[in-house]
Amino acid sequence: MKTIFSMLIVAAVVAISNPLFAQSKKPVTTVFWVGGVCEMCKERIERAVDIPGVKAASYNLEKHELTVTYSPKKINEEKLHELLNKAGHDTSKSQASDEAYSNVHGCCKYREHEHNH
């Protein structure tokens, strides 16, 4: 009797935790601010996050928003911000180094524009 009861408890725990575990495998979509002013910026921003684990990325130049769908098992949002910073773009959570920013094309100097975040 004790064995059957133990098996039922284990089965119940597995049944409850499986849907929760399955959710963590699903792609996540997030939207956040990224500094950029032109089509070259848009291409650089989207290319910066075009890595394994990212399902889709689209930068809205007018709103300065990046929409990214990614697999949380392969990458996290912090890493996305880091990749964008390395490409020379500030985000809502972190800032590109002056060295990385100085490497973007002259027309891409978003910090000098009033559109800034």
PDB file of N, CA and C in Angstrom:
ATOM      1  N   MET A   1       0.833  -1.195   0.000  1.00  0.00           N
ATOM      2  CA  MET A   1       0.000   0.000   0.000  1.00  0.00           C
ATOM      3  C   MET A   1       0.871   1.250   0.000  1.00  0.00           C
ATOM      4  N   LYS A   2       1.926   1.246   0.805  1.00  0.00           N
ATOM      5  CA  LYS A   2       2.812   2.391   0.894  1.00  0.00           C
ATOM      6  C   LYS A   2       3.475   2.661  -0.464  1.00  0.00           C
ATOM      7  N   THR A   3       3.830   1.628  -1.211  1.00  0.00           N
ATOM      8  CA  THR A   3       4.468   1.770  -2.517  1.00  0.00           C
ATOM      9  C   THR A   3       3.508   2.395  -3.518  1.00  0.00           C
ATOM     10  N   ILE A   4       2.272   1.961  -3.515  1.00  0.00           N
ATOM     11  CA  ILE A   4       1.276   2.524  -4.442  1.00  0.00           C
ATOM     12  C   ILE A   4       1.068   3.998  -4.128  1.00  0.00           C
ATOM     13  N   PHE A   5       0.960   4.322  -2.837  1.00  0.00           N
ATOM     14  CA  PHE A   5       0.780   5.710  -2.432  1.00  0.00           C
ATOM     15  C   PHE A   5       1.975   6.558  -2.872  1.00  0.00           C
ATOM     16  N   SER A   6       3.182   6.057  -2.694  1.00  0.00           N
ATOM     17  CA  SER A   6       4.392   6.768  -3.116  1.00  0.00           C
ATOM     18  C   SER A   6       4.395   7.000  -4.619  1.00  0.00           C
ATOM     19  N   MET A   7       3.980   5.958  -5.356  1.00  0.00           N
ATOM     20  CA  MET A   7       3.943   6.089  -6.822  1.00  0.00           C
ATOM     21  C   MET A   7       2.909   7.139  -7.243  1.00  0.00           C
ATOM     22  N   LEU A   8       1.789   7.191  -6.557  1.00  0.00           N
ATOM     23  CA  LEU A   8       0.763   8.189  -6.873  1.00  0.00           C
ATOM     24  C   LEU A   8       1.274   9.605  -6.593  1.00  0.00           C
ATOM     25  N   ILE A   9       1.986   9.769  -5.504  1.00  0.00           N
ATOM     26  CA  ILE A   9       2.567  11.075  -5.167  1.00  0.00           C
ATOM     27  C   ILE A   9       3.552  11.491  -6.252  1.00  0.00           C
ATOM     28  N   VAL A  10       4.434  10.602  -6.645  1.00  0.00           N
ATOM     29  CA  VAL A  10       5.417  10.902  -7.696  1.00  0.00           C
ATOM     30  C   VAL A  10       4.703  11.243  -9.002  1.00  0.00           C
ATOM     31  N   ALA A  11       3.693  10.472  -9.365  1.00  0.00           N
ATOM     32  CA  ALA A  11       2.940  10.720 -10.595  1.00  0.00           C
ATOM     33  C   ALA A  11       2.267  12.099 -10.552  1.00  0.00           C
ATOM     34  N   ALA A  12       1.727  12.466  -9.401  1.00  0.00           N
ATOM     35  CA  ALA A  12       1.069  13.773  -9.264  1.00  0.00           C
ATOM     36  C   ALA A  12       2.082  14.903  -9.403  1.00  0.00           C
ATOM     37  N   VAL A  13       3.236  14.758  -8.785  1.00  0.00           N
ATOM     38  CA  VAL A  13       4.272  15.786  -8.874  1.00  0.00           C
ATOM     39  C   VAL A  13       4.741  15.946 -10.320  1.00  0.00           C
ATOM     40  N   VAL A  14       4.964  14.835 -11.006  1.00  0.00           N
ATOM     41  CA  VAL A  14       5.390  14.879 -12.407  1.00  0.00           C
ATOM     42  C   VAL A  14       4.312  15.531 -13.264  1.00  0.00           C
ATOM     43  N   ALA A  15       3.059  15.191 -13.054  1.00  0.00           N
ATOM     44  CA  ALA A  15       1.961  15.752 -13.842  1.00  0.00           C
ATOM     45  C   ALA A  15       1.845  17.265 -13.641  1.00  0.00           C
ATOM     46  N   ILE A  16       2.054  17.706 -12.421  1.00  0.00           N
ATOM     47  CA  ILE A  16       1.962  19.141 -12.133  1.00  0.00           C
ATOM     48  C   ILE A  16       3.173  19.890 -12.674  1.00  0.00           C
ATOM     49  N   SER A  17       4.346  19.326 -12.535  1.00  0.00           N
ATOM     50  CA  SER A  17       5.564  20.046 -12.938  1.00  0.00           C
ATOM     51  C   SER A  17       5.805  20.017 -14.439  1.00  0.00           C
ATOM     52  N   ASN A  18       5.312  19.020 -15.145  1.00  0.00           N
ATOM     53  CA  ASN A  18       5.549  18.945 -16.588  1.00  0.00           C
ATOM     54  C   ASN A  18       5.061  20.175 -17.349  1.00  0.00           C
ATOM     55  N   PRO A  19       3.825  20.643 -17.154  1.00  0.00           N
ATOM     56  CA  PRO A  19       3.397  21.848 -17.878  1.00  0.00           C
ATOM     57  C   PRO A  19       4.255  23.068 -17.527  1.00  0.00           C
ATOM     58  N   LEU A  20       4.687  23.166 -16.279  1.00  0.00           N
ATOM     59  CA  LEU A  20       5.536  24.288 -15.891  1.00  0.00           C
ATOM     60  C   LEU A  20       6.891  24.191 -16.576  1.00  0.00           C
ATOM     61  N   PHE A  21       7.441  23.001 -16.636  1.00  0.00           N
ATOM     62  CA  PHE A  21       8.730  22.794 -17.287  1.00  0.00           C
ATOM     63  C   PHE A  21       8.619  23.060 -18.783  1.00  0.00           C
ATOM     64  N   ALA A  22       7.532  22.615 -19.388  1.00  0.00           N
ATOM     65  CA  ALA A  22       7.337  22.807 -20.825  1.00  0.00           C
ATOM     66  C   ALA A  22       7.280  24.293 -21.174  1.00  0.00           C
ATOM     67  N   GLN A  23       6.709  25.108 -20.294  1.00  0.00           N
ATOM     68  CA  GLN A  23       6.624  26.542 -20.559  1.00  0.00           C
ATOM     69  C   GLN A  23       7.998  27.182 -20.657  1.00  0.00           C
ATOM     70  N   SER A  24       8.953  26.723 -19.879  1.00  0.00           N
ATOM     71  CA  SER A  24      10.280  27.325 -19.903  1.00  0.00           C
ATOM     72  C   SER A  24      11.009  27.028 -21.213  1.00  0.00           C
ATOM     73  N   LYS A  25      10.543  26.034 -21.955  1.00  0.00           N
ATOM     74  CA  LYS A  25      11.144  25.694 -23.241  1.00  0.00           C
ATOM     75  C   LYS A  25      10.611  26.582 -24.365  1.00  0.00           C
ATOM     76  N   LYS A  26       9.473  27.190 -24.134  1.00  0.00           N
ATOM     77  CA  LYS A  26       8.840  28.002 -25.174  1.00  0.00           C
ATOM     78  C   LYS A  26       9.655  29.264 -25.431  1.00  0.00           C
ATOM     79  N   PRO A  27       9.673  29.720 -26.694  1.00  0.00           N
ATOM     80  CA  PRO A  27      10.355  30.989 -26.998  1.00  0.00           C
ATOM     81  C   PRO A  27       9.711  32.147 -26.234  1.00  0.00           C
ATOM     82  N   VAL A  28      10.524  33.106 -25.892  1.00  0.00           N
ATOM     83  CA  VAL A  28      10.094  34.306 -25.172  1.00  0.00           C
ATOM     84  C   VAL A  28      10.253  35.494 -26.117  1.00  0.00           C
ATOM     85  N   THR A  29       9.303  36.405 -26.087  1.00  0.00           N
ATOM     86  CA  THR A  29       9.414  37.629 -26.880  1.00  0.00           C
ATOM     87  C   THR A  29       9.517  38.806 -25.931  1.00  0.00           C
ATOM     88  N   THR A  30      10.486  39.668 -26.197  1.00  0.00           N
ATOM     89  CA  THR A  30      10.683  40.857 -25.385  1.00  0.00           C
ATOM     90  C   THR A  30      10.883  42.061 -26.306  1.00  0.00           C
ATOM     91  N   VAL A  31      10.530  43.223 -25.794  1.00  0.00           N
ATOM     92  CA  VAL A  31      10.697  44.478 -26.543  1.00  0.00           C
ATOM     93  C   VAL A  31      11.428  45.452 -25.632  1.00  0.00           C
ATOM     94  N   PHE A  32      12.496  46.082 -26.154  1.00  0.00           N
ATOM     95  CA  PHE A  32      13.200  47.071 -25.356  1.00  0.00           C
ATOM     96  C   PHE A  32      13.846  48.134 -26.245  1.00  0.00           C
ATOM     97  N   TRP A  33      14.169  49.269 -25.617  1.00  0.00           N
ATOM     98  CA  TRP A  33      14.753  50.416 -26.302  1.00  0.00           C
ATOM     99  C   TRP A  33      16.206  50.140 -26.678  1.00  0.00           C
ATOM    100  N   VAL A  34      16.556  50.527 -27.921  1.00  0.00           N
ATOM    101  CA  VAL A  34      17.938  50.460 -28.393  1.00  0.00           C
ATOM    102  C   VAL A  34      18.211  51.741 -29.170  1.00  0.00           C
ATOM    103  N   GLY A  35      19.316  52.420 -28.874  1.00  0.00           N
ATOM    104  CA  GLY A  35      19.668  53.643 -29.576  1.00  0.00           C
ATOM    105  C   GLY A  35      20.055  53.365 -31.017  1.00  0.00           C
ATOM    106  N   GLY A  36      19.453  54.131 -31.937  1.00  0.00           N
ATOM    107  CA  GLY A  36      19.737  53.994 -33.356  1.00  0.00           C
ATOM    108  C   GLY A  36      19.017  55.079 -34.135  1.00  0.00           C
ATOM    109  N   VAL A  37      19.578  55.473 -35.281  1.00  0.00           N
ATOM    110  CA  VAL A  37      18.978  56.596 -36.020  1.00  0.00           C
ATOM    111  C   VAL A  37      18.784  56.358 -37.512  1.00  0.00           C
ATOM    112  N   CYS A  38      19.340  55.274 -38.063  1.00  0.00           N
ATOM    113  CA  CYS A  38      19.262  55.121 -39.519  1.00  0.00           C
ATOM    114  C   CYS A  38      19.150  53.651 -39.912  1.00  0.00           C
ATOM    115  N   GLU A  39      19.007  53.411 -41.194  1.00  0.00           N
ATOM    116  CA  GLU A  39      18.896  52.043 -41.696  1.00  0.00           C
ATOM    117  C   GLU A  39      20.157  51.226 -41.412  1.00  0.00           C
ATOM    118  N   MET A  40      21.329  51.880 -41.422  1.00  0.00           N
ATOM    119  CA  MET A  40      22.561  51.163 -41.087  1.00  0.00           C
ATOM    120  C   MET A  40      22.502  50.675 -39.635  1.00  0.00           C
ATOM    121  N   CYS A  41      21.960  51.511 -38.756  1.00  0.00           N
ATOM    122  CA  CYS A  41      21.798  51.116 -37.351  1.00  0.00           C
ATOM    123  C   CYS A  41      20.860  49.911 -37.270  1.00  0.00           C
ATOM    124  N   LYS A  42      19.740  50.001 -37.957  1.00  0.00           N
ATOM    125  CA  LYS A  42      18.752  48.916 -37.951  1.00  0.00           C
ATOM    126  C   LYS A  42      19.406  47.598 -38.362  1.00  0.00           C
ATOM    127  N   GLU A  43      20.165  47.620 -39.442  1.00  0.00           N
ATOM    128  CA  GLU A  43      20.836  46.404 -39.915  1.00  0.00           C
ATOM    129  C   GLU A  43      21.847  45.897 -38.892  1.00  0.00           C
ATOM    130  N   ARG A  44      22.630  46.794 -38.317  1.00  0.00           N
ATOM    131  CA  ARG A  44      23.651  46.403 -37.330  1.00  0.00           C
ATOM    132  C   ARG A  44      23.008  45.819 -36.079  1.00  0.00           C
ATOM    133  N   ILE A  45      21.927  46.440 -35.619  1.00  0.00           N
ATOM    134  CA  ILE A  45      21.219  45.990 -34.419  1.00  0.00           C
ATOM    135  C   ILE A  45      20.649  44.585 -34.637  1.00  0.00           C
ATOM    136  N   GLU A  46      19.963  44.395 -35.758  1.00  0.00           N
ATOM    137  CA  GLU A  46      19.367  43.093 -36.037  1.00  0.00           C
ATOM    138  C   GLU A  46      20.445  42.021 -36.247  1.00  0.00           C
ATOM    139  N   ARG A  47      21.537  42.401 -36.882  1.00  0.00           N
ATOM    140  CA  ARG A  47      22.639  41.461 -37.126  1.00  0.00           C
ATOM    141  C   ARG A  47      23.339  41.082 -35.806  1.00  0.00           C
ATOM    142  N   ALA A  48      23.427  42.028 -34.876  1.00  0.00           N
ATOM    143  CA  ALA A  48      24.103  41.780 -33.592  1.00  0.00           C
ATOM    144  C   ALA A  48      23.442  40.664 -32.794  1.00  0.00           C
ATOM    145  N   VAL A  49      22.140  40.527 -32.933  1.00  0.00           N
ATOM    146  CA  VAL A  49      21.422  39.497 -32.174  1.00  0.00           C
ATOM    147  C   VAL A  49      21.028  38.299 -33.039  1.00  0.00           C
ATOM    148  N   ASP A  50      21.570  38.224 -34.237  1.00  0.00           N
ATOM    149  CA  ASP A  50      21.305  37.096 -35.131  1.00  0.00           C
ATOM    150  C   ASP A  50      22.262  35.957 -34.781  1.00  0.00           C
ATOM    151  N   ILE A  51      21.946  35.278 -33.695  1.00  0.00           N
ATOM    152  CA  ILE A  51      22.799  34.213 -33.165  1.00  0.00           C
ATOM    153  C   ILE A  51      21.932  33.001 -32.825  1.00  0.00           C
ATOM    154  N   PRO A  52      22.557  31.836 -32.617  1.00  0.00           N
ATOM    155  CA  PRO A  52      21.768  30.664 -32.214  1.00  0.00           C
ATOM    156  C   PRO A  52      20.961  30.964 -30.948  1.00  0.00           C
ATOM    157  N   GLY A  53      19.715  30.555 -30.970  1.00  0.00           N
ATOM    158  CA  GLY A  53      18.821  30.800 -29.834  1.00  0.00           C
ATOM    159  C   GLY A  53      17.858  31.944 -30.093  1.00  0.00           C
ATOM    160  N   VAL A  54      18.199  32.838 -31.034  1.00  0.00           N
ATOM    161  CA  VAL A  54      17.297  33.938 -31.389  1.00  0.00           C
ATOM    162  C   VAL A  54      16.472  33.491 -32.589  1.00  0.00           C
ATOM    163  N   LYS A  55      15.169  33.471 -32.390  1.00  0.00           N
ATOM    164  CA  LYS A  55      14.247  33.013 -33.439  1.00  0.00           C
ATOM    165  C   LYS A  55      13.924  34.132 -34.424  1.00  0.00           C
ATOM    166  N   ALA A  56      13.785  35.363 -33.912  1.00  0.00           N
ATOM    167  CA  ALA A  56      13.441  36.509 -34.749  1.00  0.00           C
ATOM    168  C   ALA A  56      13.841  37.795 -34.039  1.00  0.00           C
ATOM    169  N   ALA A  57      14.219  38.796 -34.830  1.00  0.00           N
ATOM    170  CA  ALA A  57      14.554  40.110 -34.280  1.00  0.00           C
ATOM    171  C   ALA A  57      14.171  41.166 -35.292  1.00  0.00           C
ATOM    172  N   SER A  58      13.495  42.207 -34.818  1.00  0.00           N
ATOM    173  CA  SER A  58      13.066  43.291 -35.704  1.00  0.00           C
ATOM    174  C   SER A  58      13.197  44.615 -34.958  1.00  0.00           C
ATOM    175  N   TYR A  59      13.917  45.545 -35.576  1.00  0.00           N
ATOM    176  CA  TYR A  59      14.127  46.854 -34.961  1.00  0.00           C
ATOM    177  C   TYR A  59      13.199  47.877 -35.594  1.00  0.00           C
ATOM    178  N   ASN A  60      12.434  48.583 -34.759  1.00  0.00           N
ATOM    179  CA  ASN A  60      11.556  49.657 -35.218  1.00  0.00           C
ATOM    180  C   ASN A  60      12.322  50.960 -35.056  1.00  0.00           C
ATOM    181  N   LEU A  61      12.762  51.507 -36.173  1.00  0.00           N
ATOM    182  CA  LEU A  61      13.596  52.703 -36.180  1.00  0.00           C
ATOM    183  C   LEU A  61      12.879  53.926 -35.613  1.00  0.00           C
ATOM    184  N   GLU A  62      11.600  54.068 -35.890  1.00  0.00           N
ATOM    185  CA  GLU A  62      10.847  55.231 -35.401  1.00  0.00           C
ATOM    186  C   GLU A  62      10.677  55.211 -33.884  1.00  0.00           C
ATOM    187  N   LYS A  63      10.428  54.038 -33.335  1.00  0.00           N
ATOM    188  CA  LYS A  63      10.206  53.905 -31.893  1.00  0.00           C
ATOM    189  C   LYS A  63      11.481  53.576 -31.130  1.00  0.00           C
ATOM    190  N   HIS A  64      12.557  53.229 -31.857  1.00  0.00           N
ATOM    191  CA  HIS A  64      13.828  52.808 -31.244  1.00  0.00           C
ATOM    192  C   HIS A  64      13.619  51.585 -30.366  1.00  0.00           C
ATOM    193  N   GLU A  65      12.790  50.647 -30.861  1.00  0.00           N
ATOM    194  CA  GLU A  65      12.472  49.445 -30.106  1.00  0.00           C
ATOM    195  C   GLU A  65      12.894  48.193 -30.868  1.00  0.00           C
ATOM    196  N   LEU A  66      13.523  47.296 -30.156  1.00  0.00           N
ATOM    197  CA  LEU A  66      13.896  46.003 -30.714  1.00  0.00           C
ATOM    198  C   LEU A  66      12.957  44.947 -30.143  1.00  0.00           C
ATOM    199  N   THR A  67      12.332  44.193 -31.032  1.00  0.00           N
ATOM    200  CA  THR A  67      11.497  43.071 -30.630  1.00  0.00           C
ATOM    201  C   THR A  67      12.285  41.805 -30.935  1.00  0.00           C
ATOM    202  N   VAL A  68      12.527  41.003 -29.906  1.00  0.00           N
ATOM    203  CA  VAL A  68      13.329  39.788 -30.059  1.00  0.00           C
ATOM    204  C   VAL A  68      12.560  38.596 -29.502  1.00  0.00           C
ATOM    205  N   THR A  69      12.512  37.531 -30.288  1.00  0.00           N
ATOM    206  CA  THR A  69      11.960  36.259 -29.830  1.00  0.00           C
ATOM    207  C   THR A  69      13.129  35.295 -29.738  1.00  0.00           C
ATOM    208  N   TYR A  70      13.302  34.724 -28.546  1.00  0.00           N
ATOM    209  CA  TYR A  70      14.467  33.877 -28.321  1.00  0.00           C
ATOM    210  C   TYR A  70      14.124  32.681 -27.431  1.00  0.00           C
ATOM    211  N   SER A  71      15.016  31.705 -27.455  1.00  0.00           N
ATOM    212  CA  SER A  71      14.882  30.514 -26.619  1.00  0.00           C
ATOM    213  C   SER A  71      15.629  30.751 -25.304  1.00  0.00           C
ATOM    214  N   PRO A  72      14.920  30.815 -24.188  1.00  0.00           N
ATOM    215  CA  PRO A  72      15.579  31.070 -22.904  1.00  0.00           C
ATOM    216  C   PRO A  72      16.525  29.942 -22.477  1.00  0.00           C
ATOM    217  N   LYS A  73      16.445  28.788 -23.128  1.00  0.00           N
ATOM    218  CA  LYS A  73      17.378  27.695 -22.817  1.00  0.00           C
ATOM    219  C   LYS A  73      18.744  27.952 -23.456  1.00  0.00           C
ATOM    220  N   LYS A  74      18.775  28.812 -24.488  1.00  0.00           N
ATOM    221  CA  LYS A  74      20.024  29.050 -25.213  1.00  0.00           C
ATOM    222  C   LYS A  74      20.633  30.421 -24.955  1.00  0.00           C
ATOM    223  N   ILE A  75      19.800  31.392 -24.628  1.00  0.00           N
ATOM    224  CA  ILE A  75      20.284  32.765 -24.438  1.00  0.00           C
ATOM    225  C   ILE A  75      19.339  33.483 -23.482  1.00  0.00           C
ATOM    226  N   ASN A  76      19.842  34.542 -22.825  1.00  0.00           N
ATOM    227  CA  ASN A  76      18.968  35.325 -21.951  1.00  0.00           C
ATOM    228  C   ASN A  76      18.982  36.794 -22.396  1.00  0.00           C
ATOM    229  N   GLU A  77      18.077  37.566 -21.824  1.00  0.00           N
ATOM    230  CA  GLU A  77      17.951  38.964 -22.233  1.00  0.00           C
ATOM    231  C   GLU A  77      19.222  39.764 -21.926  1.00  0.00           C
ATOM    232  N   GLU A  78      19.867  39.461 -20.822  1.00  0.00           N
ATOM    233  CA  GLU A  78      21.105  40.161 -20.465  1.00  0.00           C
ATOM    234  C   GLU A  78      22.163  40.009 -21.571  1.00  0.00           C
ATOM    235  N   LYS A  79      22.269  38.817 -22.128  1.00  0.00           N
ATOM    236  CA  LYS A  79      23.227  38.554 -23.205  1.00  0.00           C
ATOM    237  C   LYS A  79      22.861  39.354 -24.455  1.00  0.00           C
ATOM    238  N   LEU A  80      21.578  39.524 -24.735  1.00  0.00           N
ATOM    239  CA  LEU A  80      21.144  40.325 -25.891  1.00  0.00           C
ATOM    240  C   LEU A  80      21.619  41.769 -25.743  1.00  0.00           C
ATOM    241  N   HIS A  81      21.437  42.323 -24.542  1.00  0.00           N
ATOM    242  CA  HIS A  81      21.884  43.697 -24.286  1.00  0.00           C
ATOM    243  C   HIS A  81      23.400  43.798 -24.456  1.00  0.00           C
ATOM    244  N   GLU A  82      24.108  42.803 -23.964  1.00  0.00           N
ATOM    245  CA  GLU A  82      25.568  42.775 -24.067  1.00  0.00           C
ATOM    246  C   GLU A  82      26.021  42.749 -25.537  1.00  0.00           C
ATOM    247  N   LEU A  83      25.366  41.942 -26.359  1.00  0.00           N
ATOM    248  CA  LEU A  83      25.702  41.861 -27.786  1.00  0.00           C
ATOM    249  C   LEU A  83      25.472  43.198 -28.487  1.00  0.00           C
ATOM    250  N   LEU A  84      24.386  43.859 -28.131  1.00  0.00           N
ATOM    251  CA  LEU A  84      24.076  45.166 -28.726  1.00  0.00           C
ATOM    252  C   LEU A  84      25.095  46.213 -28.292  1.00  0.00           C
ATOM    253  N   ASN A  85      25.495  46.170 -27.039  1.00  0.00           N
ATOM    254  CA  ASN A  85      26.523  47.096 -26.542  1.00  0.00           C
ATOM    255  C   ASN A  85      27.836  46.893 -27.280  1.00  0.00           C
ATOM    256  N   LYS A  86      28.211  45.640 -27.506  1.00  0.00           N
ATOM    257  CA  LYS A  86      29.442  45.346 -28.236  1.00  0.00           C
ATOM    258  C   LYS A  86      29.382  45.860 -29.672  1.00  0.00           C
ATOM    259  N   ALA A  87      28.166  45.908 -30.231  1.00  0.00           N
ATOM    260  CA  ALA A  87      27.981  46.414 -31.594  1.00  0.00           C
ATOM    261  C   ALA A  87      27.953  47.947 -31.622  1.00  0.00           C
ATOM    262  N   GLY A  88      27.994  48.585 -30.441  1.00  0.00           N
ATOM    263  CA  GLY A  88      28.041  50.043 -30.368  1.00  0.00           C
ATOM    264  C   GLY A  88      26.726  50.715 -30.043  1.00  0.00           C
ATOM    265  N   HIS A  89      25.751  49.952 -29.560  1.00  0.00           N
ATOM    266  CA  HIS A  89      24.428  50.528 -29.288  1.00  0.00           C
ATOM    267  C   HIS A  89      24.059  50.444 -27.816  1.00  0.00           C
ATOM    268  N   ASP A  90      23.563  51.577 -27.289  1.00  0.00           N
ATOM    269  CA  ASP A  90      23.032  51.626 -25.931  1.00  0.00           C
ATOM    270  C   ASP A  90      21.666  50.946 -25.934  1.00  0.00           C
ATOM    271  N   THR A  91      21.291  50.378 -24.795  1.00  0.00           N
ATOM    272  CA  THR A  91      19.962  49.781 -24.641  1.00  0.00           C
ATOM    273  C   THR A  91      19.325  50.351 -23.377  1.00  0.00           C
ATOM    274  N   SER A  92      18.097  49.955 -23.132  1.00  0.00           N
ATOM    275  CA  SER A  92      17.390  50.430 -21.940  1.00  0.00           C
ATOM    276  C   SER A  92      18.041  49.928 -20.649  1.00  0.00           C
ATOM    277  N   LYS A  93      18.870  48.891 -20.734  1.00  0.00           N
ATOM    278  CA  LYS A  93      19.496  48.328 -19.536  1.00  0.00           C
ATOM    279  C   LYS A  93      20.993  48.564 -19.432  1.00  0.00           C
ATOM    280  N   SER A  94      21.637  48.900 -20.541  1.00  0.00           N
ATOM    281  CA  SER A  94      23.094  49.042 -20.493  1.00  0.00           C
ATOM    282  C   SER A  94      23.601  49.947 -21.616  1.00  0.00           C
ATOM    283  N   GLN A  95      24.807  50.421 -21.435  1.00  0.00           N
ATOM    284  CA  GLN A  95      25.385  51.373 -22.380  1.00  0.00           C
ATOM    285  C   GLN A  95      26.605  50.764 -23.063  1.00  0.00           C
ATOM    286  N   ALA A  96      26.730  51.057 -24.359  1.00  0.00           N
ATOM    287  CA  ALA A  96      27.909  50.624 -25.104  1.00  0.00           C
ATOM    288  C   ALA A  96      29.125  51.380 -24.581  1.00  0.00           C
ATOM    289  N   SER A  97      30.274  50.747 -24.644  1.00  0.00           N
ATOM    290  CA  SER A  97      31.502  51.443 -24.245  1.00  0.00           C
ATOM    291  C   SER A  97      31.756  52.576 -25.247  1.00  0.00           C
ATOM    292  N   ASP A  98      32.509  53.581 -24.819  1.00  0.00           N
ATOM    293  CA  ASP A  98      32.846  54.679 -25.725  1.00  0.00           C
ATOM    294  C   ASP A  98      33.607  54.148 -26.937  1.00  0.00           C
ATOM    295  N   GLU A  99      34.427  53.145 -26.718  1.00  0.00           N
ATOM    296  CA  GLU A  99      35.198  52.550 -27.816  1.00  0.00           C
ATOM    297  C   GLU A  99      34.265  51.885 -28.835  1.00  0.00           C
ATOM    298  N   ALA A 100      33.300  51.100 -28.367  1.00  0.00           N
ATOM    299  CA  ALA A 100      32.347  50.439 -29.270  1.00  0.00           C
ATOM    300  C   ALA A 100      31.513  51.482 -29.997  1.00  0.00           C
ATOM    301  N   TYR A 101      31.055  52.510 -29.274  1.00  0.00           N
ATOM    302  CA  TYR A 101      30.245  53.569 -29.890  1.00  0.00           C
ATOM    303  C   TYR A 101      31.046  54.319 -30.949  1.00  0.00           C
ATOM    304  N   SER A 102      32.331  54.556 -30.697  1.00  0.00           N
ATOM    305  CA  SER A 102      33.153  55.299 -31.658  1.00  0.00           C
ATOM    306  C   SER A 102      33.350  54.535 -32.962  1.00  0.00           C
ATOM    307  N   ASN A 103      33.088  53.221 -32.947  1.00  0.00           N
ATOM    308  CA  ASN A 103      33.255  52.407 -34.148  1.00  0.00           C
ATOM    309  C   ASN A 103      32.044  52.411 -35.076  1.00  0.00           C
ATOM    310  N   VAL A 104      30.912  52.967 -34.629  1.00  0.00           N
ATOM    311  CA  VAL A 104      29.758  53.023 -35.534  1.00  0.00           C
ATOM    312  C   VAL A 104      29.970  54.158 -36.530  1.00  0.00           C
ATOM    313  N   HIS A 105      29.375  54.024 -37.702  1.00  0.00           N
ATOM    314  CA  HIS A 105      29.506  55.005 -38.777  1.00  0.00           C
ATOM    315  C   HIS A 105      29.056  56.390 -38.302  1.00  0.00           C
ATOM    316  N   GLY A 106      29.590  57.417 -38.902  1.00  0.00           N
ATOM    317  CA  GLY A 106      29.279  58.805 -38.526  1.00  0.00           C
ATOM    318  C   GLY A 106      27.796  59.138 -38.507  1.00  0.00           C
ATOM    319  N   CYS A 107      27.038  58.597 -39.477  1.00  0.00           N
ATOM    320  CA  CYS A 107      25.596  58.898 -39.509  1.00  0.00           C
ATOM    321  C   CYS A 107      24.836  58.131 -38.439  1.00  0.00           C
ATOM    322  N   CYS A 108      25.512  57.213 -37.757  1.00  0.00           N
ATOM    323  CA  CYS A 108      24.872  56.371 -36.741  1.00  0.00           C
ATOM    324  C   CYS A 108      25.094  56.893 -35.321  1.00  0.00           C
ATOM    325  N   LYS A 109      25.635  58.066 -35.176  1.00  0.00           N
ATOM    326  CA  LYS A 109      25.947  58.611 -33.847  1.00  0.00           C
ATOM    327  C   LYS A 109      24.662  59.071 -33.155  1.00  0.00           C
ATOM    328  N   TYR A 110      23.903  58.102 -32.689  1.00  0.00           N
ATOM    329  CA  TYR A 110      22.594  58.358 -32.087  1.00  0.00           C
ATOM    330  C   TYR A 110      22.676  59.171 -30.804  1.00  0.00           C
ATOM    331  N   ARG A 111      23.784  59.134 -30.106  1.00  0.00           N
ATOM    332  CA  ARG A 111      23.899  59.891 -28.847  1.00  0.00           C
ATOM    333  C   ARG A 111      23.852  61.386 -29.095  1.00  0.00           C
ATOM    334  N   GLU A 112      24.222  61.821 -30.282  1.00  0.00           N
ATOM    335  CA  GLU A 112      24.206  63.242 -30.603  1.00  0.00           C
ATOM    336  C   GLU A 112      22.829  63.730 -31.075  1.00  0.00           C
ATOM    337  N   HIS A 113      21.907  62.802 -31.296  1.00  0.00           N
ATOM    338  CA  HIS A 113      20.561  63.163 -31.761  1.00  0.00           C
ATOM    339  C   HIS A 113      19.632  63.344 -30.565  1.00  0.00           C
ATOM    340  N   GLU A 114      18.604  64.133 -30.747  1.00  0.00           N
ATOM    341  CA  GLU A 114      17.663  64.395 -29.654  1.00  0.00           C
ATOM    342  C   GLU A 114      16.646  63.274 -29.484  1.00  0.00           C
ATOM    343  N   HIS A 115      16.685  62.250 -30.326  1.00  0.00           N
ATOM    344  CA  HIS A 115      15.753  61.122 -30.242  1.00  0.00           C
ATOM    345  C   HIS A 115      16.104  60.224 -29.074  1.00  0.00           C
ATOM    346  N   ASN A 116      17.136  60.575 -28.372  1.00  0.00           N
ATOM    347  CA  ASN A 116      17.678  59.680 -27.362  1.00  0.00           C
ATOM    348  C   ASN A 116      16.674  59.325 -26.279  1.00  0.00           C
ATOM    349  N   HIS A 117      16.885  58.195 -25.661  1.00  0.00           N
ATOM    350  CA  HIS A 117      16.033  57.592 -24.613  1.00  0.00           C
ATOM    351  C   HIS A 117      15.996  58.467 -23.372  1.00  0.00           C
TER     352      HIS A 117
END
